[in-house]
Amino acid sequence: MRFVYNRRPLRILRTGHKVISPAEHEELRNADVSNRQDFLKHLDLHSQGKTSYLEMSRGLAATGIEKWTFDTNKMTMTHYHKRGNIMLLEEIE
């Protein structure tokens, strides 16, 4: 399973061991107020291949998104505002 822990990629192996690598980018500041329309715009641009992962991450942070998670059992992806509110829960195809 792959996660991001404190801006650093974290991978948990089947053996239970954890592998943490150095941070890939600077810490991103999350907006206090969410903007759903701009949030969805940044996701759409990235899904079209028009932005890099870092550009998308910066855009999501600017719209109040703090983190997103993947549930590989339910095949869903959930985006959370920095206050913990779910901004989007979508099924992964």
C-alpha atoms as a PDB file:
ATOM      1  CA  MET A   1       0.000   0.000   0.000  1.00  0.00           C
ATOM      2  CA  ARG A   2       1.197   3.500  -0.738  1.00  0.00           C
ATOM      3  CA  PHE A   3       0.502   6.586   1.341  1.00  0.00           C
ATOM      4  CA  VAL A   4       1.949  10.025   1.854  1.00  0.00           C
ATOM      5  CA  TYR A   5       3.200  10.767   5.352  1.00  0.00           C
ATOM      6  CA  ASN A   6       4.331  14.296   6.167  1.00  0.00           C
ATOM      7  CA  ARG A   7       4.887  15.036   2.429  1.00  0.00           C
ATOM      8  CA  ARG A   8       7.077  11.941   2.117  1.00  0.00           C
ATOM      9  CA  PRO A   9       6.048   8.857   0.179  1.00  0.00           C
ATOM     10  CA  LEU A  10       5.338   5.948   2.536  1.00  0.00           C
ATOM     11  CA  ARG A  11       4.996   2.382   1.381  1.00  0.00           C
ATOM     12  CA  ILE A  12       3.879  -0.422   3.678  1.00  0.00           C
ATOM     13  CA  LEU A  13       5.151  -3.775   2.482  1.00  0.00           C
ATOM     14  CA  ARG A  14       3.355  -7.093   2.937  1.00  0.00           C
ATOM     15  CA  THR A  15       5.926  -7.967   5.583  1.00  0.00           C
ATOM     16  CA  GLY A  16       4.709  -5.010   7.649  1.00  0.00           C
ATOM     17  CA  HIS A  17       7.902  -3.024   7.094  1.00  0.00           C
ATOM     18  CA  LYS A  18       7.568   0.659   6.243  1.00  0.00           C
ATOM     19  CA  VAL A  19       9.652   2.454   3.639  1.00  0.00           C
ATOM     20  CA  ILE A  20       9.725   6.262   3.867  1.00  0.00           C
ATOM     21  CA  SER A  21      11.584   8.363   1.305  1.00  0.00           C
ATOM     22  CA  PRO A  22      12.555  12.061   1.371  1.00  0.00           C
ATOM     23  CA  ALA A  23       9.917  14.755   0.757  1.00  0.00           C
ATOM     24  CA  GLU A  24       9.234  15.350  -2.926  1.00  0.00           C
ATOM     25  CA  HIS A  25       8.321  19.041  -2.592  1.00  0.00           C
ATOM     26  CA  GLU A  26       7.995  21.950  -0.199  1.00  0.00           C
ATOM     27  CA  GLU A  27       5.179  21.976   2.345  1.00  0.00           C
ATOM     28  CA  LEU A  28       2.011  23.299   0.730  1.00  0.00           C
ATOM     29  CA  ARG A  29      -0.180  25.759   2.601  1.00  0.00           C
ATOM     30  CA  ASN A  30      -3.868  24.870   2.563  1.00  0.00           C
ATOM     31  CA  ALA A  31      -6.463  27.612   2.173  1.00  0.00           C
ATOM     32  CA  ASP A  32      -8.761  28.103   5.165  1.00  0.00           C
ATOM     33  CA  VAL A  33     -11.824  28.527   2.964  1.00  0.00           C
ATOM     34  CA  SER A  34     -12.723  25.840   0.452  1.00  0.00           C
ATOM     35  CA  ASN A  35     -13.625  26.557  -3.146  1.00  0.00           C
ATOM     36  CA  ARG A  36     -15.379  23.526  -4.628  1.00  0.00           C
ATOM     37  CA  GLN A  37     -15.625  24.906  -8.157  1.00  0.00           C
ATOM     38  CA  ASP A  38     -11.874  25.611  -8.387  1.00  0.00           C
ATOM     39  CA  PHE A  39     -11.123  22.285  -6.668  1.00  0.00           C
ATOM     40  CA  LEU A  40     -13.036  20.377  -9.359  1.00  0.00           C
ATOM     41  CA  LYS A  41     -11.371  22.494 -12.065  1.00  0.00           C
ATOM     42  CA  HIS A  42      -7.888  21.479 -10.815  1.00  0.00           C
ATOM     43  CA  LEU A  43      -8.894  17.805 -10.743  1.00  0.00           C
ATOM     44  CA  ASP A  44     -10.269  18.033 -14.267  1.00  0.00           C
ATOM     45  CA  LEU A  45      -7.127  19.713 -15.611  1.00  0.00           C
ATOM     46  CA  HIS A  46      -4.977  16.989 -14.070  1.00  0.00           C
ATOM     47  CA  SER A  47      -7.188  14.185 -15.390  1.00  0.00           C
ATOM     48  CA  GLN A  48      -6.712  15.676 -18.881  1.00  0.00           C
ATOM     49  CA  GLY A  49      -2.929  15.583 -18.404  1.00  0.00           C
ATOM     50  CA  LYS A  50      -2.626  19.379 -18.448  1.00  0.00           C
ATOM     51  CA  THR A  51      -0.940  19.631 -15.022  1.00  0.00           C
ATOM     52  CA  SER A  52       1.792  17.709 -13.230  1.00  0.00           C
ATOM     53  CA  TYR A  53       1.154  16.003  -9.892  1.00  0.00           C
ATOM     54  CA  LEU A  54       2.851  18.899  -8.079  1.00  0.00           C
ATOM     55  CA  GLU A  55       0.819  21.509  -9.984  1.00  0.00           C
ATOM     56  CA  MET A  56      -2.360  19.639  -9.115  1.00  0.00           C
ATOM     57  CA  SER A  57      -1.293  19.378  -5.457  1.00  0.00           C
ATOM     58  CA  ARG A  58      -0.623  23.120  -5.286  1.00  0.00           C
ATOM     59  CA  GLY A  59      -3.985  23.855  -6.904  1.00  0.00           C
ATOM     60  CA  LEU A  60      -5.837  21.566  -4.496  1.00  0.00           C
ATOM     61  CA  ALA A  61      -4.078  23.105  -1.488  1.00  0.00           C
ATOM     62  CA  ALA A  62      -5.098  26.567  -2.728  1.00  0.00           C
ATOM     63  CA  THR A  63      -8.733  25.397  -2.742  1.00  0.00           C
ATOM     64  CA  GLY A  64      -8.576  24.063   0.832  1.00  0.00           C
ATOM     65  CA  ILE A  65      -7.838  20.388   0.158  1.00  0.00           C
ATOM     66  CA  GLU A  66      -5.468  18.988   2.769  1.00  0.00           C
ATOM     67  CA  LYS A  67      -5.296  15.344   1.753  1.00  0.00           C
ATOM     68  CA  TRP A  68      -6.814  12.573  -0.309  1.00  0.00           C
ATOM     69  CA  THR A  69      -7.000   8.865   0.320  1.00  0.00           C
ATOM     70  CA  PHE A  70      -7.466   5.746  -1.775  1.00  0.00           C
ATOM     71  CA  ASP A  71      -9.495   2.808  -0.521  1.00  0.00           C
ATOM     72  CA  THR A  72      -8.308  -0.161  -2.545  1.00  0.00           C
ATOM     73  CA  ASN A  73     -11.012  -2.429  -1.095  1.00  0.00           C
ATOM     74  CA  LYS A  74     -13.925  -0.160  -2.000  1.00  0.00           C
ATOM     75  CA  MET A  75     -12.083   1.323  -5.006  1.00  0.00           C
ATOM     76  CA  THR A  76     -12.817   4.891  -3.950  1.00  0.00           C
ATOM     77  CA  MET A  77     -10.837   8.106  -3.694  1.00  0.00           C
ATOM     78  CA  THR A  78     -11.779  10.686  -1.063  1.00  0.00           C
ATOM     79  CA  HIS A  79     -10.611  14.318  -0.915  1.00  0.00           C
ATOM     80  CA  TYR A  80     -10.715  16.114   2.456  1.00  0.00           C
ATOM     81  CA  HIS A  81     -10.773  19.793   3.378  1.00  0.00           C
ATOM     82  CA  LYS A  82      -8.260  20.758   6.059  1.00  0.00           C
ATOM     83  CA  ARG A  83     -11.090  20.780   8.632  1.00  0.00           C
ATOM     84  CA  GLY A  84     -11.739  17.104   7.883  1.00  0.00           C
ATOM     85  CA  ASN A  85     -14.872  17.573   5.768  1.00  0.00           C
ATOM     86  CA  ILE A  86     -15.206  15.287   2.750  1.00  0.00           C
ATOM     87  CA  MET A  87     -15.151  17.451  -0.380  1.00  0.00           C
ATOM     88  CA  LEU A  88     -15.449  14.605  -2.881  1.00  0.00           C
ATOM     89  CA  LEU A  89     -15.817  10.832  -2.703  1.00  0.00           C
ATOM     90  CA  GLU A  90     -15.562   9.151  -6.084  1.00  0.00           C
ATOM     91  CA  GLU A  91     -15.429   5.601  -7.344  1.00  0.00           C
ATOM     92  CA  ILE A  92     -12.285   4.568  -9.194  1.00  0.00           C
ATOM     93  CA  GLU A  93     -12.770   2.656 -12.411  1.00  0.00           C
END
